[in-house]
C-alpha atoms as a PDB file:
ATOM      1  CA  MET A   1      87.871 122.319  93.009  1.00  0.00           C
ATOM      2  CA  ASN A   2      90.941 120.068  93.176  1.00  0.00           C
ATOM      3  CA  LEU A   3      89.627 116.429  93.061  1.00  0.00           C
ATOM      4  CA  PHE A   4      91.182 112.944  92.840  1.00  0.00           C
ATOM      5  CA  GLU A   5      88.486 111.192  90.919  1.00  0.00           C
ATOM      6  CA  GLY A   6      87.383 107.618  89.936  1.00  0.00           C
ATOM      7  CA  ARG A   7      84.706 107.401  87.120  1.00  0.00           C
ATOM      8  CA  ASP A   8      83.013 104.127  86.317  1.00  0.00           C
ATOM      9  CA  LEU A   9      86.062 102.175  87.243  1.00  0.00           C
ATOM     10  CA  VAL A  10      86.356  98.391  86.430  1.00  0.00           C
ATOM     11  CA  CYS A  11      88.938  96.131  87.827  1.00  0.00           C
ATOM     12  CA  LEU A  12      89.876  92.674  86.437  1.00  0.00           C
ATOM     13  CA  ARG A  13      91.314  89.753  88.263  1.00  0.00           C
ATOM     14  CA  GLY A  14      91.804  86.554  86.378  1.00  0.00           C
ATOM     15  CA  GLY A  15      89.365  87.745  83.558  1.00  0.00           C
ATOM     16  CA  ARG A  16      86.750  88.444  85.907  1.00  0.00           C
ATOM     17  CA  ALA A  17      85.455  92.030  87.128  1.00  0.00           C
ATOM     18  CA  VAL A  18      86.174  92.332  90.787  1.00  0.00           C
ATOM     19  CA  PHE A  19      84.097  95.690  90.601  1.00  0.00           C
ATOM     20  CA  SER A  20      82.609  97.814  88.091  1.00  0.00           C
ATOM     21  CA  GLY A  21      80.970 101.158  87.779  1.00  0.00           C
ATOM     22  CA  LEU A  22      82.828 102.343  90.738  1.00  0.00           C
ATOM     23  CA  SER A  23      83.093 106.136  91.169  1.00  0.00           C
ATOM     24  CA  PHE A  24      84.330 108.474  93.928  1.00  0.00           C
ATOM     25  CA  ALA A  25      85.670 111.940  94.306  1.00  0.00           C
ATOM     26  CA  LEU A  26      88.359 112.747  97.078  1.00  0.00           C
ATOM     27  CA  PRO A  27      89.061 116.370  97.669  1.00  0.00           C
ATOM     28  CA  ALA A  28      92.068 117.852  99.281  1.00  0.00           C
ATOM     29  CA  SER A  29      91.864 117.158 103.074  1.00  0.00           C
ATOM     30  CA  GLY A  30      89.598 114.200 102.358  1.00  0.00           C
ATOM     31  CA  ALA A  31      89.430 110.649 103.617  1.00  0.00           C
ATOM     32  CA  LEU A  32      88.053 107.686 101.967  1.00  0.00           C
ATOM     33  CA  LEU A  33      87.357 104.367 103.868  1.00  0.00           C
ATOM     34  CA  LEU A  34      87.190 101.333 101.720  1.00  0.00           C
ATOM     35  CA  THR A  35      84.949  98.467 103.155  1.00  0.00           C
ATOM     36  CA  GLY A  36      83.769  95.165 102.168  1.00  0.00           C
ATOM     37  CA  PRO A  37      84.332  91.504 102.436  1.00  0.00           C
ATOM     38  CA  ASN A  38      87.491  89.588 101.539  1.00  0.00           C
ATOM     39  CA  GLY A  39      87.755  89.391  97.776  1.00  0.00           C
ATOM     40  CA  SER A  40      85.602  92.584  97.238  1.00  0.00           C
ATOM     41  CA  GLY A  41      88.653  94.432  95.634  1.00  0.00           C
ATOM     42  CA  LYS A  42      89.689  96.733  98.426  1.00  0.00           C
ATOM     43  CA  SER A  43      93.533  95.901  97.879  1.00  0.00           C
ATOM     44  CA  SER A  44      92.995  96.011  94.039  1.00  0.00           C
ATOM     45  CA  LEU A  45      91.374  99.406  94.137  1.00  0.00           C
ATOM     46  CA  LEU A  46      94.412 100.758  96.290  1.00  0.00           C
ATOM     47  CA  ARG A  47      96.860  99.452  93.788  1.00  0.00           C
ATOM     48  CA  LEU A  48      94.847 100.974  90.948  1.00  0.00           C
ATOM     49  CA  LEU A  49      94.626 104.165  92.668  1.00  0.00           C
ATOM     50  CA  ALA A  50      98.451 104.075  93.112  1.00  0.00           C
ATOM     51  CA  GLY A  51      98.992 103.589  89.466  1.00  0.00           C
ATOM     52  CA  LEU A  52     100.271 100.005  89.911  1.00  0.00           C
ATOM     53  CA  ILE A  53      97.651  98.351  87.977  1.00  0.00           C
ATOM     54  CA  ARG A  54      95.481  99.569  85.064  1.00  0.00           C
ATOM     55  CA  PRO A  55      91.663  99.962  85.150  1.00  0.00           C
ATOM     56  CA  ALA A  56      89.954  97.768  82.655  1.00  0.00           C
ATOM     57  CA  GLY A  57      87.334 100.458  82.228  1.00  0.00           C
ATOM     58  CA  GLY A  58      86.630 103.945  83.301  1.00  0.00           C
ATOM     59  CA  GLU A  59      89.041 106.702  84.094  1.00  0.00           C
ATOM     60  CA  LEU A  60      91.113 107.991  87.142  1.00  0.00           C
ATOM     61  CA  LEU A  61      91.807 111.669  87.271  1.00  0.00           C
ATOM     62  CA  TRP A  62      93.872 114.153  89.202  1.00  0.00           C
ATOM     63  CA  ASP A  63      92.493 117.659  89.094  1.00  0.00           C
ATOM     64  CA  GLY A  64      90.717 116.906  85.832  1.00  0.00           C
ATOM     65  CA  THR A  65      93.743 115.341  84.001  1.00  0.00           C
ATOM     66  CA  PRO A  66      93.681 111.531  83.472  1.00  0.00           C
ATOM     67  CA  VAL A  67      96.305 109.850  85.473  1.00  0.00           C
ATOM     68  CA  ARG A  68      97.230 107.672  82.549  1.00  0.00           C
ATOM     69  CA  LYS A  69      98.592 110.790  80.678  1.00  0.00           C
ATOM     70  CA  ALA A  70     101.148 111.449  83.589  1.00  0.00           C
ATOM     71  CA  LEU A  71     101.569 108.095  85.282  1.00  0.00           C
ATOM     72  CA  ASP A  72     105.010 108.789  86.707  1.00  0.00           C
ATOM     73  CA  GLU A  73     104.083 112.166  88.089  1.00  0.00           C
ATOM     74  CA  HIS A  74     101.041 110.521  89.717  1.00  0.00           C
ATOM     75  CA  ARG A  75     103.172 107.840  91.485  1.00  0.00           C
ATOM     76  CA  GLU A  76     105.277 110.558  93.028  1.00  0.00           C
ATOM     77  CA  ARG A  77     102.189 111.772  94.746  1.00  0.00           C
ATOM     78  CA  VAL A  78     101.655 108.512  96.389  1.00  0.00           C
ATOM     79  CA  ALA A  79     102.751 106.934  99.724  1.00  0.00           C
ATOM     80  CA  PHE A  80     101.503 103.550  99.628  1.00  0.00           C
ATOM     81  CA  LEU A  81     101.639 101.037 102.666  1.00  0.00           C
ATOM     82  CA  GLY A  82     100.575  97.575 101.811  1.00  0.00           C
ATOM     83  CA  HIS A  83     100.701  94.269 103.718  1.00  0.00           C
ATOM     84  CA  LEU A  84     104.307  94.195 103.543  1.00  0.00           C
ATOM     85  CA  ASP A  85     106.172  96.367 105.950  1.00  0.00           C
ATOM     86  CA  ALA A  86     109.410  97.096 103.786  1.00  0.00           C
ATOM     87  CA  VAL A  87     111.716  97.210 106.903  1.00  0.00           C
ATOM     88  CA  LYS A  88     115.525  96.725 106.445  1.00  0.00           C
ATOM     89  CA  PRO A  89     116.122  93.982 109.080  1.00  0.00           C
ATOM     90  CA  VAL A  90     119.927  94.886 109.616  1.00  0.00           C
ATOM     91  CA  LEU A  91     119.352  98.662 110.203  1.00  0.00           C
ATOM     92  CA  THR A  92     118.128 100.231 113.508  1.00  0.00           C
ATOM     93  CA  LEU A  93     114.631 101.742 113.676  1.00  0.00           C
ATOM     94  CA  ARG A  94     116.308 105.260 113.431  1.00  0.00           C
ATOM     95  CA  GLU A  95     118.355 104.189 110.467  1.00  0.00           C
ATOM     96  CA  ASN A  96     115.290 102.843 108.860  1.00  0.00           C
ATOM     97  CA  LEU A  97     113.463 106.140 109.319  1.00  0.00           C
ATOM     98  CA  ALA A  98     116.419 108.189 108.409  1.00  0.00           C
ATOM     99  CA  PHE A  99     116.568 106.454 104.995  1.00  0.00           C
ATOM    100  CA  TRP A 100     112.983 107.130 104.159  1.00  0.00           C
ATOM    101  CA  ALA A 101     113.260 110.724 105.565  1.00  0.00           C
ATOM    102  CA  GLY A 102     116.055 111.154 103.025  1.00  0.00           C
ATOM    103  CA  LEU A 103     113.867 110.243 100.244  1.00  0.00           C
ATOM    104  CA  GLY A 104     111.071 112.486 101.278  1.00  0.00           C
ATOM    105  CA  GLY A 105     113.406 115.485 102.180  1.00  0.00           C
ATOM    106  CA  ALA A 106     112.380 115.334 105.833  1.00  0.00           C
ATOM    107  CA  ASP A 107     115.081 116.496 108.400  1.00  0.00           C
ATOM    108  CA  ALA A 108     116.260 114.629 111.486  1.00  0.00           C
ATOM    109  CA  ASP A 109     113.934 116.361 113.791  1.00  0.00           C
ATOM    110  CA  ARG A 110     110.905 114.618 111.880  1.00  0.00           C
ATOM    111  CA  VAL A 111     112.485 111.197 112.448  1.00  0.00           C
ATOM    112  CA  GLU A 112     112.596 111.669 116.113  1.00  0.00           C
ATOM    113  CA  ALA A 113     109.020 113.010 116.114  1.00  0.00           C
ATOM    114  CA  ALA A 114     107.985 109.958 114.121  1.00  0.00           C
ATOM    115  CA  LEU A 115     109.612 107.644 116.368  1.00  0.00           C
ATOM    116  CA  ALA A 116     107.806 109.476 119.425  1.00  0.00           C
ATOM    117  CA  ARG A 117     104.424 109.400 117.733  1.00  0.00           C
ATOM    118  CA  PHE A 118     104.364 105.623 117.394  1.00  0.00           C
ATOM    119  CA  GLY A 119     106.065 104.792 120.727  1.00  0.00           C
ATOM    120  CA  LEU A 120     109.276 103.657 119.214  1.00  0.00           C
ATOM    121  CA  THR A 121     111.832 106.013 120.799  1.00  0.00           C
ATOM    122  CA  ASP A 122     113.065 103.420 123.488  1.00  0.00           C
ATOM    123  CA  LEU A 123     113.621 100.985 120.318  1.00  0.00           C
ATOM    124  CA  ALA A 124     115.470 103.507 118.044  1.00  0.00           C
ATOM    125  CA  GLU A 125     118.841 101.802 118.301  1.00  0.00           C
ATOM    126  CA  VAL A 126     117.486  98.130 118.072  1.00  0.00           C
ATOM    127  CA  PRO A 127     117.943  96.337 114.748  1.00  0.00           C
ATOM    128  CA  ALA A 128     114.760  95.945 112.926  1.00  0.00           C
ATOM    129  CA  ARG A 129     115.207  92.133 112.720  1.00  0.00           C
ATOM    130  CA  LEU A 130     114.374  92.038 116.413  1.00  0.00           C
ATOM    131  CA  LEU A 131     111.057  93.677 116.225  1.00  0.00           C
ATOM    132  CA  SER A 132     107.737  91.931 116.824  1.00  0.00           C
ATOM    133  CA  ALA A 133     105.280  92.103 114.081  1.00  0.00           C
ATOM    134  CA  GLY A 134     103.302  94.640 115.844  1.00  0.00           C
ATOM    135  CA  GLN A 135     106.469  96.819 116.260  1.00  0.00           C
ATOM    136  CA  LYS A 136     107.419  96.346 112.564  1.00  0.00           C
ATOM    137  CA  ARG A 137     104.078  97.519 111.482  1.00  0.00           C
ATOM    138  CA  ARG A 138     104.492 100.677 113.707  1.00  0.00           C
ATOM    139  CA  LEU A 139     107.841 101.321 112.183  1.00  0.00           C
ATOM    140  CA  ALA A 140     106.232 100.971 108.679  1.00  0.00           C
ATOM    141  CA  LEU A 141     103.521 103.529 109.815  1.00  0.00           C
ATOM    142  CA  ALA A 142     106.213 105.872 111.030  1.00  0.00           C
ATOM    143  CA  ARG A 143     107.349 106.412 107.671  1.00  0.00           C
ATOM    144  CA  LEU A 144     104.230 108.234 106.545  1.00  0.00           C
ATOM    145  CA  PRO A 145     104.783 111.537 108.276  1.00  0.00           C
ATOM    146  CA  LEU A 146     108.272 111.550 106.752  1.00  0.00           C
ATOM    147  CA  SER A 147     106.626 111.629 103.245  1.00  0.00           C
ATOM    148  CA  ALA A 148     105.939 114.649 101.248  1.00  0.00           C
ATOM    149  CA  SER A 149     103.374 112.815  99.249  1.00  0.00           C
ATOM    150  CA  PRO A 150      99.911 114.287  99.150  1.00  0.00           C
ATOM    151  CA  LEU A 151      98.204 111.008  98.719  1.00  0.00           C
ATOM    152  CA  TRP A 152      98.265 108.162 101.467  1.00  0.00           C
ATOM    153  CA  LEU A 153      97.034 104.804 100.331  1.00  0.00           C
ATOM    154  CA  LEU A 154      96.711 102.474 103.238  1.00  0.00           C
ATOM    155  CA  ASP A 155      95.906  98.635 103.063  1.00  0.00           C
ATOM    156  CA  GLU A 156      94.654  97.319 106.513  1.00  0.00           C
ATOM    157  CA  PRO A 157      96.953  99.698 108.391  1.00  0.00           C
ATOM    158  CA  THR A 158      95.824  98.732 111.810  1.00  0.00           C
ATOM    159  CA  VAL A 159      96.411  95.005 111.719  1.00  0.00           C
ATOM    160  CA  GLY A 160      98.858  94.127 114.684  1.00  0.00           C
ATOM    161  CA  LEU A 161      98.344  97.437 116.344  1.00  0.00           C
ATOM    162  CA  ASP A 162      97.073  97.919 119.924  1.00  0.00           C
ATOM    163  CA  ARG A 163      94.585 100.790 120.725  1.00  0.00           C
ATOM    164  CA  ALA A 164      97.319 103.414 121.442  1.00  0.00           C
ATOM    165  CA  SER A 165      99.130 102.670 117.964  1.00  0.00           C
ATOM    166  CA  ALA A 166      95.801 102.746 116.394  1.00  0.00           C
ATOM    167  CA  THR A 167      95.143 106.088 117.750  1.00  0.00           C
ATOM    168  CA  ALA A 168      98.506 107.502 116.844  1.00  0.00           C
ATOM    169  CA  LEU A 169      97.716 106.378 113.293  1.00  0.00           C
ATOM    170  CA  ALA A 170      94.494 108.301 113.356  1.00  0.00           C
ATOM    171  CA  GLU A 171      96.412 111.397 114.698  1.00  0.00           C
ATOM    172  CA  ALA A 172      98.980 111.064 111.923  1.00  0.00           C
ATOM    173  CA  ILE A 173      96.284 110.923 109.309  1.00  0.00           C
ATOM    174  CA  ALA A 174      94.416 113.912 110.715  1.00  0.00           C
ATOM    175  CA  ALA A 175      97.642 116.040 110.608  1.00  0.00           C
ATOM    176  CA  HIS A 176      98.164 114.911 107.137  1.00  0.00           C
ATOM    177  CA  ARG A 177      94.701 116.226 106.247  1.00  0.00           C
ATOM    178  CA  GLN A 178      95.058 119.323 108.091  1.00  0.00           C
ATOM    179  CA  ASN A 179      97.992 120.147 105.642  1.00  0.00           C
ATOM    180  CA  GLY A 180      95.780 119.395 102.631  1.00  0.00           C
ATOM    181  CA  GLY A 181      96.716 115.816 102.241  1.00  0.00           C
ATOM    182  CA  ARG A 182      94.131 112.904 101.161  1.00  0.00           C
ATOM    183  CA  VAL A 183      94.055 109.503 102.338  1.00  0.00           C
ATOM    184  CA  ALA A 184      92.312 106.183 101.370  1.00  0.00           C
ATOM    185  CA  VAL A 185      92.338 103.418 103.894  1.00  0.00           C
ATOM    186  CA  ALA A 186      91.297  99.796 103.260  1.00  0.00           C
ATOM    187  CA  THR A 187      90.098  98.233 106.646  1.00  0.00           C
ATOM    188  CA  HIS A 188      88.053  95.760 108.415  1.00  0.00           C
ATOM    189  CA  GLN A 189      88.449  97.285 111.739  1.00  0.00           C
ATOM    190  CA  VAL A 190      87.208 100.582 113.133  1.00  0.00           C
ATOM    191  CA  LEU A 191      89.232 103.534 112.463  1.00  0.00           C
ATOM    192  CA  GLU A 192      88.003 107.034 113.632  1.00  0.00           C
ATOM    193  CA  LEU A 193      88.550 109.454 110.815  1.00  0.00           C
ATOM    194  CA  GLU A 194      86.762 112.870 110.954  1.00  0.00           C
ATOM    195  CA  GLU A 195      84.115 113.354 107.873  1.00  0.00           C
ATOM    196  CA  ALA A 196      85.513 110.373 106.098  1.00  0.00           C
ATOM    197  CA  ARG A 197      83.492 109.041 103.107  1.00  0.00           C
ATOM    198  CA  THR A 198      82.872 105.294 103.031  1.00  0.00           C
ATOM    199  CA  LEU A 199      83.015 103.233  99.956  1.00  0.00           C
ATOM    200  CA  ALA A 200      81.527  99.714 100.258  1.00  0.00           C
ATOM    201  CA  LEU A 201      83.270  97.537  97.633  1.00  0.00           C
ATOM    202  CA  GLY A 202      80.524  94.842  97.831  1.00  0.00           C
ATOM    203  CA  ASP A 203      78.082  97.271  96.252  1.00  0.00           C
ATOM    204  CA  TYR A 204      80.128  97.237  93.153  1.00  0.00           C
ATOM    205  CA  ALA A 205      80.635  93.536  92.502  1.00  0.00           C
ATOM    206  CA  GLY A 206      81.322  92.850  88.863  1.00  0.00           C
ATOM    207  CA  GLU A 207      79.980  90.211  86.529  1.00  0.00           C
ATOM    208  CA  ALA A 208      81.967  87.338  84.808  1.00  0.00           C
ATOM    209  CA  LEU A 209      83.233  89.398  81.763  1.00  0.00           C
ATOM    210  CA  LEU A 210      86.471  90.165  79.977  1.00  0.00           C
ATOM    211  CA  LEU A 211      87.019  93.832  79.071  1.00  0.00           C
ATOM    212  CA  GLU A 212      89.546  95.547  76.845  1.00  0.00           C
ATOM    213  CA  TYR A 213      92.160  97.571  78.760  1.00  0.00           C
ATOM    214  CA  VAL A 214      92.031 101.239  78.334  1.00  0.00           C
ATOM    215  CA  TRP A 215      95.574 102.125  78.955  1.00  0.00           C
END
């Protein structure tokens, strides 16, 4: 079975284990909800899953192959949405999405569909610098359906969203999963994802120790 797995993962921050002994298995079409209090390591875990930081212990595997052996290939699998929206302020919304669509190989029709899904069609020709914080977040989320990446990693994606936009995000995630995609979401808020597995980061709190890096 094709799995994205973590086995006994340890993450350090400032010489201290933020979490340790953390394991998960995420199949194709699967969803993983990361929960826990501030400082429990949700954002750090997402960066680790994206290959942006290295585990201090344990192993990350894709279909049985250690990610560390094909790190560049793994990073190409990932669409990562962090706290920063990565919006070009001088470009219009349509131009922003067209740029990302070009990187992902998506056509113009999908750009229009992404604008419509997140309620941005009427703002398509507006420069992104004029957007509110919530509108910028919706624009950042609209990039996701334009990506060919099979793994979406989302850090607090619902911050600043109204209920309609949160529903649009849930629908985009559902469509991604229907096509075999996977998603891991760190959130403090309710996000309805069918048959999602929950990973409570507070259950994996680490001790004050310093471990040798394995990568």
